[in-house]
């Protein structure tokens, strides 16, 4: 009953980041030496992802970033 949906980027894989990368990104964000937008651009990630990682880390620090991730 509606339009068929097709994926825009079928071959694209979801990017994963390891725990060390996330911890370092949050540390740099909290240093405040650069705006979050500039930091995200330099790291090659979205700005809102930095804030999500920060929230995850401060919410449950011992359980944050438990996934496998890619180096």
N, C-alpha and C. Protein backbone atom coordinates (compact mmCIF):
# COMPACT_ATOMS: atom_id res chain seq x y z
N UNK A 1 0.83 -1.17 0.00
CA UNK A 1 0.00 0.00 0.00
C UNK A 1 0.87 1.23 0.00
N UNK A 2 1.79 1.59 -0.23
CA UNK A 2 2.54 2.82 -0.24
C UNK A 2 3.74 2.64 -1.12
N UNK A 3 4.61 3.56 -1.03
CA UNK A 3 5.83 3.50 -1.84
C UNK A 3 6.78 2.42 -1.32
N UNK A 4 7.49 1.85 -2.26
CA UNK A 4 8.55 0.92 -1.85
C UNK A 4 9.75 1.75 -1.39
N UNK A 5 10.35 1.32 -0.33
CA UNK A 5 11.52 2.03 0.17
C UNK A 5 12.78 1.32 -0.27
N UNK A 6 13.74 2.09 -0.70
CA UNK A 6 15.04 1.54 -1.06
C UNK A 6 16.09 2.25 -0.23
N UNK A 7 17.13 1.53 0.09
CA UNK A 7 18.22 2.11 0.86
C UNK A 7 19.04 3.04 -0.03
N UNK A 8 19.44 4.15 0.53
CA UNK A 8 20.21 5.12 -0.23
C UNK A 8 21.64 4.64 -0.43
N UNK A 9 22.27 4.18 0.62
CA UNK A 9 23.66 3.72 0.57
C UNK A 9 23.72 2.27 1.03
N UNK A 10 23.38 1.36 0.15
CA UNK A 10 23.31 -0.05 0.55
C UNK A 10 24.66 -0.61 0.97
N UNK A 11 25.72 -0.21 0.32
CA UNK A 11 27.04 -0.77 0.62
C UNK A 11 27.73 -0.14 1.80
N UNK A 12 27.16 0.92 2.34
CA UNK A 12 27.80 1.64 3.44
C UNK A 12 27.64 0.89 4.75
N UNK A 13 28.72 0.78 5.50
CA UNK A 13 28.69 0.13 6.80
C UNK A 13 28.69 1.17 7.90
N UNK A 14 28.11 0.80 9.01
CA UNK A 14 28.07 1.69 10.17
C UNK A 14 29.47 1.80 10.76
N UNK A 15 29.87 3.01 11.05
CA UNK A 15 31.19 3.25 11.62
C UNK A 15 31.19 2.92 13.11
N UNK A 16 32.24 2.27 13.57
CA UNK A 16 32.37 1.95 14.99
C UNK A 16 33.66 2.55 15.52
N UNK A 17 33.63 2.92 16.79
CA UNK A 17 34.79 3.53 17.43
C UNK A 17 35.09 2.78 18.71
N UNK A 18 36.38 2.58 18.98
CA UNK A 18 36.74 1.83 20.19
C UNK A 18 36.67 2.72 21.43
N UNK A 19 36.75 2.09 22.58
CA UNK A 19 36.60 2.77 23.86
C UNK A 19 37.63 3.88 24.05
N UNK A 20 38.88 3.62 23.67
CA UNK A 20 39.94 4.61 23.84
C UNK A 20 39.67 5.87 23.03
N UNK A 21 39.18 5.69 21.80
CA UNK A 21 38.86 6.84 20.96
C UNK A 21 37.77 7.68 21.59
N UNK A 22 36.74 7.02 22.10
CA UNK A 22 35.62 7.74 22.71
C UNK A 22 36.05 8.48 23.98
N UNK A 23 36.84 7.83 24.80
CA UNK A 23 37.32 8.47 26.03
C UNK A 23 38.18 9.69 25.72
N UNK A 24 39.05 9.56 24.72
CA UNK A 24 39.91 10.69 24.34
C UNK A 24 39.08 11.83 23.75
N UNK A 25 38.07 11.50 22.96
CA UNK A 25 37.21 12.52 22.37
C UNK A 25 36.47 13.29 23.46
N UNK A 26 35.96 12.58 24.45
CA UNK A 26 35.24 13.23 25.56
C UNK A 26 36.20 14.08 26.39
N UNK A 27 37.42 13.59 26.58
CA UNK A 27 38.41 14.35 27.34
C UNK A 27 38.73 15.66 26.64
N UNK A 28 38.92 15.59 25.31
CA UNK A 28 39.20 16.80 24.54
C UNK A 28 38.03 17.77 24.58
N UNK A 29 36.82 17.23 24.53
CA UNK A 29 35.62 18.07 24.60
C UNK A 29 35.56 18.81 25.92
N UNK A 30 35.86 18.11 27.00
CA UNK A 30 35.77 18.70 28.34
C UNK A 30 36.91 19.66 28.64
N UNK A 31 38.03 19.54 27.93
CA UNK A 31 39.11 20.51 28.09
C UNK A 31 38.65 21.90 27.66
N UNK A 32 37.79 21.94 26.67
CA UNK A 32 37.21 23.20 26.22
C UNK A 32 38.14 24.09 25.43
N UNK A 33 39.24 23.54 24.92
CA UNK A 33 40.17 24.35 24.15
C UNK A 33 39.66 24.65 22.75
N UNK A 34 38.76 23.80 22.24
CA UNK A 34 38.19 23.99 20.91
C UNK A 34 36.68 23.83 21.01
N UNK A 35 35.96 24.52 20.14
CA UNK A 35 34.51 24.32 20.10
C UNK A 35 34.18 22.88 19.69
N UNK A 36 33.06 22.38 20.15
CA UNK A 36 32.67 21.00 19.86
C UNK A 36 32.57 20.76 18.36
N UNK A 37 32.07 21.72 17.61
CA UNK A 37 31.92 21.56 16.16
C UNK A 37 33.28 21.37 15.49
N UNK A 38 34.27 22.16 15.90
CA UNK A 38 35.60 22.04 15.32
C UNK A 38 36.25 20.72 15.72
N UNK A 39 36.12 20.34 16.96
CA UNK A 39 36.67 19.08 17.44
C UNK A 39 36.06 17.90 16.69
N UNK A 40 34.75 17.92 16.51
CA UNK A 40 34.07 16.84 15.79
C UNK A 40 34.55 16.77 14.35
N UNK A 41 34.73 17.90 13.72
CA UNK A 41 35.21 17.94 12.34
C UNK A 41 36.61 17.34 12.24
N UNK A 42 37.47 17.67 13.17
CA UNK A 42 38.84 17.14 13.18
C UNK A 42 38.86 15.64 13.43
N UNK A 43 37.94 15.16 14.26
CA UNK A 43 37.89 13.73 14.56
C UNK A 43 37.12 12.93 13.52
N UNK A 44 36.38 13.63 12.67
CA UNK A 44 35.62 12.95 11.62
C UNK A 44 34.32 12.34 12.11
N UNK A 45 33.71 12.97 13.12
CA UNK A 45 32.46 12.47 13.68
C UNK A 45 31.45 13.61 13.75
N UNK A 46 30.21 13.27 14.08
CA UNK A 46 29.18 14.29 14.25
C UNK A 46 29.29 14.93 15.63
N UNK A 47 28.94 16.22 15.69
CA UNK A 47 29.04 16.95 16.96
C UNK A 47 28.14 16.35 18.03
N UNK A 48 26.91 15.97 17.65
CA UNK A 48 26.00 15.42 18.65
C UNK A 48 26.49 14.08 19.19
N UNK A 49 27.33 13.37 18.44
CA UNK A 49 27.89 12.12 18.93
C UNK A 49 28.84 12.38 20.10
N UNK A 50 29.57 13.48 20.03
CA UNK A 50 30.46 13.84 21.15
C UNK A 50 29.65 14.03 22.43
N UNK A 51 28.53 14.76 22.31
CA UNK A 51 27.70 15.01 23.48
C UNK A 51 27.04 13.72 23.98
N UNK A 52 26.69 12.82 23.08
CA UNK A 52 26.10 11.55 23.48
C UNK A 52 27.11 10.72 24.26
N UNK A 53 28.35 10.67 23.76
CA UNK A 53 29.40 9.94 24.46
C UNK A 53 29.67 10.55 25.83
N UNK A 54 29.65 11.86 25.92
CA UNK A 54 29.86 12.54 27.20
C UNK A 54 28.75 12.17 28.18
N UNK A 55 27.53 12.17 27.71
CA UNK A 55 26.38 11.82 28.55
C UNK A 55 26.48 10.36 29.01
N UNK A 56 26.84 9.47 28.08
CA UNK A 56 26.98 8.05 28.42
C UNK A 56 28.07 7.84 29.46
N UNK A 57 29.16 8.55 29.30
CA UNK A 57 30.29 8.39 30.22
C UNK A 57 29.95 8.87 31.62
N UNK A 58 29.26 9.99 31.74
CA UNK A 58 28.94 10.53 33.05
C UNK A 58 27.71 9.87 33.67
N UNK A 59 26.89 9.24 32.84
CA UNK A 59 25.71 8.56 33.36
C UNK A 59 26.08 7.28 34.09
N UNK A 60 26.80 6.42 33.41
CA UNK A 60 27.23 5.14 33.99
C UNK A 60 28.66 4.90 33.56
N UNK A 61 29.59 5.50 34.23
CA UNK A 61 30.99 5.48 33.81
C UNK A 61 31.56 4.06 33.74
N UNK A 62 31.17 3.19 34.66
CA UNK A 62 31.73 1.84 34.66
C UNK A 62 31.16 0.98 33.53
N UNK A 63 30.00 1.33 33.00
CA UNK A 63 29.39 0.56 31.94
C UNK A 63 29.45 1.25 30.58
N UNK A 64 30.02 2.41 30.51
CA UNK A 64 30.08 3.17 29.25
C UNK A 64 31.03 2.51 28.27
N UNK A 65 30.65 2.49 27.02
CA UNK A 65 31.51 2.04 25.91
C UNK A 65 31.97 0.60 26.07
N UNK A 66 31.05 -0.29 26.30
CA UNK A 66 31.40 -1.69 26.50
C UNK A 66 31.48 -2.49 25.21
N UNK A 67 31.09 -1.93 24.08
CA UNK A 67 31.05 -2.65 22.82
C UNK A 67 32.43 -2.99 22.28
N UNK A 68 32.45 -3.72 21.18
CA UNK A 68 33.70 -4.14 20.57
C UNK A 68 34.44 -2.97 19.93
N UNK A 69 33.78 -2.29 19.01
CA UNK A 69 34.41 -1.16 18.34
C UNK A 69 35.52 -1.59 17.41
N UNK A 70 35.90 -0.69 16.53
CA UNK A 70 36.97 -0.92 15.59
C UNK A 70 38.09 0.05 15.87
N UNK A 71 39.32 -0.35 15.74
CA UNK A 71 40.45 0.55 15.98
C UNK A 71 40.66 1.44 14.79
